[in-house]
Amino acid sequence: MEVALKGIIFLVALLHLFFLGFEMFAWGTIGKKIFRQFSSEFFPKTKVLAAWIYSSFTASKKIFWVQGFPALVPLLLIVILHF
């Protein structure tokens, strides 16, 4: 069970590394395609703040399911298995 838990933690870490790479390096290119509701002038102006804006002030509830929920799964498993 410990190996499975560490595997899940590793997969969540990889997922968050993907988010980090997207927010740091692909915000101005792929970000425009994904977030069509924003004007094209928005992306160059917010490149430095992209991670903060995307993670903190997103209007979409989807962010919880994409980033938050996968991180909660191993956290809950750690609590259940160790307490």
PDB file of N, CA and C in Angstrom:
ATOM      1  N   MET A   1       0.826  -1.187   0.000  1.00  0.00           N
ATOM      2  CA  MET A   1       0.000   0.000   0.000  1.00  0.00           C
ATOM      3  C   MET A   1       0.872   1.253   0.000  1.00  0.00           C
ATOM      4  N   GLU A   2       1.997   1.179   0.702  1.00  0.00           N
ATOM      5  CA  GLU A   2       2.917   2.316   0.770  1.00  0.00           C
ATOM      6  C   GLU A   2       3.474   2.654  -0.622  1.00  0.00           C
ATOM      7  N   VAL A   3       3.762   1.632  -1.411  1.00  0.00           N
ATOM      8  CA  VAL A   3       4.283   1.857  -2.762  1.00  0.00           C
ATOM      9  C   VAL A   3       3.212   2.506  -3.647  1.00  0.00           C
ATOM     10  N   ALA A   4       1.977   2.064  -3.528  1.00  0.00           N
ATOM     11  CA  ALA A   4       0.883   2.651  -4.303  1.00  0.00           C
ATOM     12  C   ALA A   4       0.687   4.120  -3.922  1.00  0.00           C
ATOM     13  N   LEU A   5       0.763   4.415  -2.649  1.00  0.00           N
ATOM     14  CA  LEU A   5       0.617   5.787  -2.177  1.00  0.00           C
ATOM     15  C   LEU A   5       1.726   6.677  -2.742  1.00  0.00           C
ATOM     16  N   LYS A   6       2.949   6.190  -2.714  1.00  0.00           N
ATOM     17  CA  LYS A   6       4.059   6.965  -3.264  1.00  0.00           C
ATOM     18  C   LYS A   6       3.920   7.133  -4.771  1.00  0.00           C
ATOM     19  N   GLY A   7       3.377   6.132  -5.437  1.00  0.00           N
ATOM     20  CA  GLY A   7       3.125   6.250  -6.875  1.00  0.00           C
ATOM     21  C   GLY A   7       2.094   7.320  -7.191  1.00  0.00           C
ATOM     22  N   ILE A   8       1.040   7.380  -6.395  1.00  0.00           N
ATOM     23  CA  ILE A   8       0.006   8.403  -6.588  1.00  0.00           C
ATOM     24  C   ILE A   8       0.582   9.789  -6.326  1.00  0.00           C
ATOM     25  N   ILE A   9       1.378   9.912  -5.283  1.00  0.00           N
ATOM     26  CA  ILE A   9       2.011  11.200  -4.975  1.00  0.00           C
ATOM     27  C   ILE A   9       2.915  11.619  -6.137  1.00  0.00           C
ATOM     28  N   PHE A  10       3.649  10.679  -6.692  1.00  0.00           N
ATOM     29  CA  PHE A  10       4.524  10.968  -7.819  1.00  0.00           C
ATOM     30  C   PHE A  10       3.724  11.443  -9.031  1.00  0.00           C
ATOM     31  N   LEU A  11       2.600  10.789  -9.319  1.00  0.00           N
ATOM     32  CA  LEU A  11       1.776  11.195 -10.454  1.00  0.00           C
ATOM     33  C   LEU A  11       1.198  12.600 -10.264  1.00  0.00           C
ATOM     34  N   VAL A  12       0.779  12.922  -9.058  1.00  0.00           N
ATOM     35  CA  VAL A  12       0.272  14.271  -8.783  1.00  0.00           C
ATOM     36  C   VAL A  12       1.400  15.294  -8.932  1.00  0.00           C
ATOM     37  N   ALA A  13       2.595  14.952  -8.485  1.00  0.00           N
ATOM     38  CA  ALA A  13       3.738  15.860  -8.645  1.00  0.00           C
ATOM     39  C   ALA A  13       4.034  16.102 -10.120  1.00  0.00           C
ATOM     40  N   LEU A  14       3.975  15.062 -10.937  1.00  0.00           N
ATOM     41  CA  LEU A  14       4.171  15.226 -12.381  1.00  0.00           C
ATOM     42  C   LEU A  14       3.100  16.117 -12.992  1.00  0.00           C
ATOM     43  N   LEU A  15       1.880  15.932 -12.558  1.00  0.00           N
ATOM     44  CA  LEU A  15       0.778  16.754 -13.049  1.00  0.00           C
ATOM     45  C   LEU A  15       1.028  18.225 -12.729  1.00  0.00           C
ATOM     46  N   HIS A  16       1.481  18.508 -11.528  1.00  0.00           N
ATOM     47  CA  HIS A  16       1.745  19.889 -11.142  1.00  0.00           C
ATOM     48  C   HIS A  16       2.986  20.454 -11.834  1.00  0.00           C
ATOM     49  N   LEU A  17       3.942  19.620 -12.159  1.00  0.00           N
ATOM     50  CA  LEU A  17       5.076  20.085 -12.961  1.00  0.00           C
ATOM     51  C   LEU A  17       4.612  20.478 -14.361  1.00  0.00           C
ATOM     52  N   PHE A  18       3.652  19.734 -14.902  1.00  0.00           N
ATOM     53  CA  PHE A  18       3.071  20.103 -16.191  1.00  0.00           C
ATOM     54  C   PHE A  18       2.403  21.466 -16.098  1.00  0.00           C
ATOM     55  N   PHE A  19       1.600  21.689 -15.050  1.00  0.00           N
ATOM     56  CA  PHE A  19       0.940  22.983 -14.869  1.00  0.00           C
ATOM     57  C   PHE A  19       1.975  24.102 -14.761  1.00  0.00           C
ATOM     58  N   LEU A  20       3.042  23.858 -14.028  1.00  0.00           N
ATOM     59  CA  LEU A  20       4.095  24.847 -13.876  1.00  0.00           C
ATOM     60  C   LEU A  20       4.715  25.188 -15.228  1.00  0.00           C
ATOM     61  N   GLY A  21       5.038  24.172 -16.011  1.00  0.00           N
ATOM     62  CA  GLY A  21       5.616  24.395 -17.338  1.00  0.00           C
ATOM     63  C   GLY A  21       4.681  25.152 -18.254  1.00  0.00           C
ATOM     64  N   PHE A  22       3.421  24.796 -18.204  1.00  0.00           N
ATOM     65  CA  PHE A  22       2.433  25.496 -19.031  1.00  0.00           C
ATOM     66  C   PHE A  22       2.341  26.959 -18.643  1.00  0.00           C
ATOM     67  N   GLU A  23       2.229  27.218 -17.352  1.00  0.00           N
ATOM     68  CA  GLU A  23       2.045  28.585 -16.892  1.00  0.00           C
ATOM     69  C   GLU A  23       3.290  29.436 -17.101  1.00  0.00           C
ATOM     70  N   MET A  24       4.475  28.814 -17.091  1.00  0.00           N
ATOM     71  CA  MET A  24       5.701  29.590 -17.246  1.00  0.00           C
ATOM     72  C   MET A  24       6.130  29.741 -18.708  1.00  0.00           C
ATOM     73  N   PHE A  25       5.943  28.698 -19.515  1.00  0.00           N
ATOM     74  CA  PHE A  25       6.532  28.713 -20.849  1.00  0.00           C
ATOM     75  C   PHE A  25       5.520  28.730 -21.992  1.00  0.00           C
ATOM     76  N   ALA A  26       4.320  28.250 -21.786  1.00  0.00           N
ATOM     77  CA  ALA A  26       3.349  28.159 -22.880  1.00  0.00           C
ATOM     78  C   ALA A  26       2.157  29.095 -22.678  1.00  0.00           C
ATOM     79  N   TRP A  27       2.260  30.006 -21.740  1.00  0.00           N
ATOM     80  CA  TRP A  27       1.138  30.900 -21.440  1.00  0.00           C
ATOM     81  C   TRP A  27       0.760  31.747 -22.647  1.00  0.00           C
ATOM     82  N   GLY A  28       1.742  32.258 -23.348  1.00  0.00           N
ATOM     83  CA  GLY A  28       1.471  33.139 -24.476  1.00  0.00           C
ATOM     84  C   GLY A  28       1.102  32.423 -25.759  1.00  0.00           C
ATOM     85  N   THR A  29       1.332  31.129 -25.844  1.00  0.00           N
ATOM     86  CA  THR A  29       1.033  30.387 -27.078  1.00  0.00           C
ATOM     87  C   THR A  29      -0.184  29.480 -26.897  1.00  0.00           C
ATOM     88  N   ILE A  30      -0.028  28.444 -26.136  1.00  0.00           N
ATOM     89  CA  ILE A  30      -1.125  27.497 -25.920  1.00  0.00           C
ATOM     90  C   ILE A  30      -2.210  28.114 -25.041  1.00  0.00           C
ATOM     91  N   GLY A  31      -1.806  29.003 -24.126  1.00  0.00           N
ATOM     92  CA  GLY A  31      -2.775  29.664 -23.253  1.00  0.00           C
ATOM     93  C   GLY A  31      -3.839  30.417 -24.027  1.00  0.00           C
ATOM     94  N   LYS A  32      -3.449  31.032 -25.151  1.00  0.00           N
ATOM     95  CA  LYS A  32      -4.413  31.767 -25.984  1.00  0.00           C
ATOM     96  C   LYS A  32      -5.472  30.844 -26.555  1.00  0.00           C
ATOM     97  N   LYS A  33      -5.074  29.629 -26.890  1.00  0.00           N
ATOM     98  CA  LYS A  33      -6.023  28.662 -27.463  1.00  0.00           C
ATOM     99  C   LYS A  33      -6.966  28.114 -26.395  1.00  0.00           C
ATOM    100  N   ILE A  34      -6.456  27.926 -25.207  1.00  0.00           N
ATOM    101  CA  ILE A  34      -7.265  27.342 -24.136  1.00  0.00           C
ATOM    102  C   ILE A  34      -8.221  28.368 -23.541  1.00  0.00           C
ATOM    103  N   PHE A  35      -7.711  29.577 -23.284  1.00  0.00           N
ATOM    104  CA  PHE A  35      -8.501  30.629 -22.638  1.00  0.00           C
ATOM    105  C   PHE A  35      -8.953  31.640 -23.684  1.00  0.00           C
ATOM    106  N   ARG A  36      -9.860  31.240 -24.518  1.00  0.00           N
ATOM    107  CA  ARG A  36     -10.331  32.092 -25.613  1.00  0.00           C
ATOM    108  C   ARG A  36     -11.155  33.282 -25.139  1.00  0.00           C
ATOM    109  N   GLN A  37     -11.657  33.239 -23.917  1.00  0.00           N
ATOM    110  CA  GLN A  37     -12.481  34.340 -23.422  1.00  0.00           C
ATOM    111  C   GLN A  37     -11.662  35.604 -23.157  1.00  0.00           C
ATOM    112  N   PHE A  38     -10.335  35.483 -23.076  1.00  0.00           N
ATOM    113  CA  PHE A  38      -9.475  36.641 -22.866  1.00  0.00           C
ATOM    114  C   PHE A  38      -8.986  37.186 -24.201  1.00  0.00           C
ATOM    115  N   SER A  39      -8.786  38.492 -24.279  1.00  0.00           N
ATOM    116  CA  SER A  39      -8.276  39.099 -25.510  1.00  0.00           C
ATOM    117  C   SER A  39      -6.808  38.728 -25.690  1.00  0.00           C
ATOM    118  N   SER A  40      -6.320  38.835 -26.917  1.00  0.00           N
ATOM    119  CA  SER A  40      -4.931  38.451 -27.186  1.00  0.00           C
ATOM    120  C   SER A  40      -3.932  39.410 -26.533  1.00  0.00           C
ATOM    121  N   GLU A  41      -4.357  40.635 -26.190  1.00  0.00           N
ATOM    122  CA  GLU A  41      -3.470  41.576 -25.490  1.00  0.00           C
ATOM    123  C   GLU A  41      -3.259  41.179 -24.033  1.00  0.00           C
ATOM    124  N   PHE A  42      -4.141  40.359 -23.509  1.00  0.00           N
ATOM    125  CA  PHE A  42      -4.081  39.935 -22.104  1.00  0.00           C
ATOM    126  C   PHE A  42      -2.831  39.111 -21.805  1.00  0.00           C
ATOM    127  N   PHE A  43      -2.437  38.242 -22.725  1.00  0.00           N
ATOM    128  CA  PHE A  43      -1.380  37.264 -22.454  1.00  0.00           C
ATOM    129  C   PHE A  43       0.020  37.868 -22.317  1.00  0.00           C
ATOM    130  N   PRO A  44       0.450  38.763 -23.216  1.00  0.00           N
ATOM    131  CA  PRO A  44       1.788  39.353 -23.000  1.00  0.00           C
ATOM    132  C   PRO A  44       1.861  40.205 -21.730  1.00  0.00           C
ATOM    133  N   LYS A  45       0.773  40.869 -21.397  1.00  0.00           N
ATOM    134  CA  LYS A  45       0.762  41.730 -20.216  1.00  0.00           C
ATOM    135  C   LYS A  45       0.795  40.935 -18.918  1.00  0.00           C
ATOM    136  N   THR A  46       0.283  39.735 -18.952  1.00  0.00           N
ATOM    137  CA  THR A  46       0.170  38.951 -17.712  1.00  0.00           C
ATOM    138  C   THR A  46       1.108  37.750 -17.672  1.00  0.00           C
ATOM    139  N   LYS A  47       2.069  37.698 -18.555  1.00  0.00           N
ATOM    140  CA  LYS A  47       2.951  36.530 -18.596  1.00  0.00           C
ATOM    141  C   LYS A  47       3.645  36.289 -17.261  1.00  0.00           C
ATOM    142  N   VAL A  48       4.110  37.326 -16.625  1.00  0.00           N
ATOM    143  CA  VAL A  48       4.814  37.178 -15.348  1.00  0.00           C
ATOM    144  C   VAL A  48       3.856  36.719 -14.251  1.00  0.00           C
ATOM    145  N   LEU A  49       2.621  37.156 -14.335  1.00  0.00           N
ATOM    146  CA  LEU A  49       1.646  36.839 -13.298  1.00  0.00           C
ATOM    147  C   LEU A  49       0.735  35.671 -13.664  1.00  0.00           C
ATOM    148  N   ALA A  50       1.036  34.976 -14.742  1.00  0.00           N
ATOM    149  CA  ALA A  50       0.139  33.934 -15.237  1.00  0.00           C
ATOM    150  C   ALA A  50      -0.140  32.853 -14.200  1.00  0.00           C
ATOM    151  N   ALA A  51       0.878  32.354 -13.548  1.00  0.00           N
ATOM    152  CA  ALA A  51       0.670  31.286 -12.567  1.00  0.00           C
ATOM    153  C   ALA A  51      -0.191  31.773 -11.405  1.00  0.00           C
ATOM    154  N   TRP A  52       0.079  32.978 -10.956  1.00  0.00           N
ATOM    155  CA  TRP A  52      -0.683  33.520  -9.831  1.00  0.00           C
ATOM    156  C   TRP A  52      -2.140  33.753 -10.221  1.00  0.00           C
ATOM    157  N   ILE A  53      -2.366  34.337 -11.378  1.00  0.00           N
ATOM    158  CA  ILE A  53      -3.731  34.610 -11.835  1.00  0.00           C
ATOM    159  C   ILE A  53      -4.476  33.297 -12.072  1.00  0.00           C
ATOM    160  N   TYR A  54      -3.834  32.391 -12.770  1.00  0.00           N
ATOM    161  CA  TYR A  54      -4.489  31.138 -13.125  1.00  0.00           C
ATOM    162  C   TYR A  54      -4.826  30.314 -11.887  1.00  0.00           C
ATOM    163  N   SER A  55      -3.926  30.274 -10.938  1.00  0.00           N
ATOM    164  CA  SER A  55      -4.137  29.444  -9.764  1.00  0.00           C
ATOM    165  C   SER A  55      -5.020  30.101  -8.712  1.00  0.00           C
ATOM    166  N   SER A  56      -4.955  31.399  -8.597  1.00  0.00           N
ATOM    167  CA  SER A  56      -5.643  32.072  -7.504  1.00  0.00           C
ATOM    168  C   SER A  56      -7.002  32.644  -7.858  1.00  0.00           C
ATOM    169  N   PHE A  57      -7.139  33.179  -9.045  1.00  0.00           N
ATOM    170  CA  PHE A  57      -8.346  33.927  -9.364  1.00  0.00           C
ATOM    171  C   PHE A  57      -9.119  33.371 -10.546  1.00  0.00           C
ATOM    172  N   THR A  58      -8.990  32.114 -10.812  1.00  0.00           N
ATOM    173  CA  THR A  58      -9.727  31.550 -11.939  1.00  0.00           C
ATOM    174  C   THR A  58     -11.218  31.564 -11.631  1.00  0.00           C
ATOM    175  N   ALA A  59     -11.986  31.866 -12.638  1.00  0.00           N
ATOM    176  CA  ALA A  59     -13.440  31.905 -12.472  1.00  0.00           C
ATOM    177  C   ALA A  59     -14.047  30.525 -12.670  1.00  0.00           C
ATOM    178  N   SER A  60     -13.257  29.603 -13.131  1.00  0.00           N
ATOM    179  CA  SER A  60     -13.750  28.271 -13.444  1.00  0.00           C
ATOM    180  C   SER A  60     -13.630  27.340 -12.243  1.00  0.00           C
ATOM    181  N   LYS A  61     -14.684  26.594 -11.979  1.00  0.00           N
ATOM    182  CA  LYS A  61     -14.632  25.584 -10.918  1.00  0.00           C
ATOM    183  C   LYS A  61     -13.838  24.365 -11.378  1.00  0.00           C
ATOM    184  N   LYS A  62     -13.569  24.310 -12.658  1.00  0.00           N
ATOM    185  CA  LYS A  62     -12.818  23.192 -13.226  1.00  0.00           C
ATOM    186  C   LYS A  62     -11.405  23.120 -12.624  1.00  0.00           C
ATOM    187  N   ILE A  63     -10.863  24.249 -12.203  1.00  0.00           N
ATOM    188  CA  ILE A  63      -9.512  24.268 -11.650  1.00  0.00           C
ATOM    189  C   ILE A  63      -9.396  23.367 -10.425  1.00  0.00           C
ATOM    190  N   PHE A  64     -10.450  23.299  -9.632  1.00  0.00           N
ATOM    191  CA  PHE A  64     -10.420  22.412  -8.464  1.00  0.00           C
ATOM    192  C   PHE A  64     -10.273  20.960  -8.907  1.00  0.00           C
ATOM    193  N   TRP A  65     -11.038  20.558  -9.905  1.00  0.00           N
ATOM    194  CA  TRP A  65     -11.011  19.163 -10.352  1.00  0.00           C
ATOM    195  C   TRP A  65      -9.720  18.828 -11.089  1.00  0.00           C
ATOM    196  N   VAL A  66      -9.125  19.793 -11.759  1.00  0.00           N
ATOM    197  CA  VAL A  66      -7.912  19.530 -12.527  1.00  0.00           C
ATOM    198  C   VAL A  66      -6.664  19.571 -11.651  1.00  0.00           C
ATOM    199  N   GLN A  67      -6.597  20.530 -10.728  1.00  0.00           N
ATOM    200  CA  GLN A  67      -5.393  20.675  -9.911  1.00  0.00           C
ATOM    201  C   GLN A  67      -5.600  20.281  -8.449  1.00  0.00           C
ATOM    202  N   GLY A  68      -6.684  20.704  -7.867  1.00  0.00           N
ATOM    203  CA  GLY A  68      -6.870  20.491  -6.437  1.00  0.00           C
ATOM    204  C   GLY A  68      -7.235  19.079  -6.044  1.00  0.00           C
ATOM    205  N   PHE A  69      -8.195  18.491  -6.732  1.00  0.00           N
ATOM    206  CA  PHE A  69      -8.666  17.159  -6.364  1.00  0.00           C
ATOM    207  C   PHE A  69      -7.571  16.100  -6.469  1.00  0.00           C
ATOM    208  N   PRO A  70      -6.785  16.079  -7.570  1.00  0.00           N
ATOM    209  CA  PRO A  70      -5.710  15.074  -7.611  1.00  0.00           C
ATOM    210  C   PRO A  70      -4.704  15.226  -6.474  1.00  0.00           C
ATOM    211  N   ALA A  71      -4.518  16.420  -5.972  1.00  0.00           N
ATOM    212  CA  ALA A  71      -3.609  16.616  -4.845  1.00  0.00           C
ATOM    213  C   ALA A  71      -4.239  16.179  -3.532  1.00  0.00           C
ATOM    214  N   LEU A  72      -5.558  16.218  -3.441  1.00  0.00           N
ATOM    215  CA  LEU A  72      -6.234  15.800  -2.215  1.00  0.00           C
ATOM    216  C   LEU A  72      -6.242  14.282  -2.039  1.00  0.00           C
ATOM    217  N   VAL A  73      -6.247  13.544  -3.132  1.00  0.00           N
ATOM    218  CA  VAL A  73      -6.321  12.075  -3.054  1.00  0.00           C
ATOM    219  C   VAL A  73      -5.155  11.502  -2.257  1.00  0.00           C
ATOM    220  N   PRO A  74      -3.889  11.786  -2.613  1.00  0.00           N
ATOM    221  CA  PRO A  74      -2.809  11.223  -1.786  1.00  0.00           C
ATOM    222  C   PRO A  74      -2.786  11.794  -0.371  1.00  0.00           C
ATOM    223  N   LEU A  75      -3.197  13.046  -0.215  1.00  0.00           N
ATOM    224  CA  LEU A  75      -3.256  13.621   1.126  1.00  0.00           C
ATOM    225  C   LEU A  75      -4.228  12.846   2.006  1.00  0.00           C
ATOM    226  N   LEU A  76      -5.408  12.546   1.479  1.00  0.00           N
ATOM    227  CA  LEU A  76      -6.378  11.754   2.232  1.00  0.00           C
ATOM    228  C   LEU A  76      -5.863  10.352   2.514  1.00  0.00           C
ATOM    229  N   LEU A  77      -5.201   9.758   1.533  1.00  0.00           N
ATOM    230  CA  LEU A  77      -4.652   8.412   1.739  1.00  0.00           C
ATOM    231  C   LEU A  77      -3.582   8.418   2.827  1.00  0.00           C
ATOM    232  N   ILE A  78      -2.752   9.449   2.858  1.00  0.00           N
ATOM    233  CA  ILE A  78      -1.739   9.552   3.920  1.00  0.00           C
ATOM    234  C   ILE A  78      -2.415   9.646   5.278  1.00  0.00           C
ATOM    235  N   VAL A  79      -3.452  10.472   5.388  1.00  0.00           N
ATOM    236  CA  VAL A  79      -4.157  10.620   6.652  1.00  0.00           C
ATOM    237  C   VAL A  79      -4.797   9.309   7.069  1.00  0.00           C
ATOM    238  N   ILE A  80      -5.438   8.629   6.144  1.00  0.00           N
ATOM    239  CA  ILE A  80      -6.123   7.371   6.454  1.00  0.00           C
ATOM    240  C   ILE A  80      -5.121   6.282   6.858  1.00  0.00           C
ATOM    241  N   LEU A  81      -4.022   6.186   6.142  1.00  0.00           N
ATOM    242  CA  LEU A  81      -3.066   5.111   6.404  1.00  0.00           C
ATOM    243  C   LEU A  81      -2.168   5.339   7.621  1.00  0.00           C
ATOM    244  N   HIS A  82      -1.943   6.581   7.991  1.00  0.00           N
ATOM    245  CA  HIS A  82      -0.985   6.853   9.052  1.00  0.00           C
ATOM    246  C   HIS A  82      -1.616   7.303  10.369  1.00  0.00           C
ATOM    247  N   PHE A  83      -2.924   7.485  10.394  1.00  0.00           N
ATOM    248  CA  PHE A  83      -3.558   7.934  11.645  1.00  0.00           C
ATOM    249  C   PHE A  83      -4.689   7.043  12.037  1.00  0.00           C
TER     250      PHE A  83
END
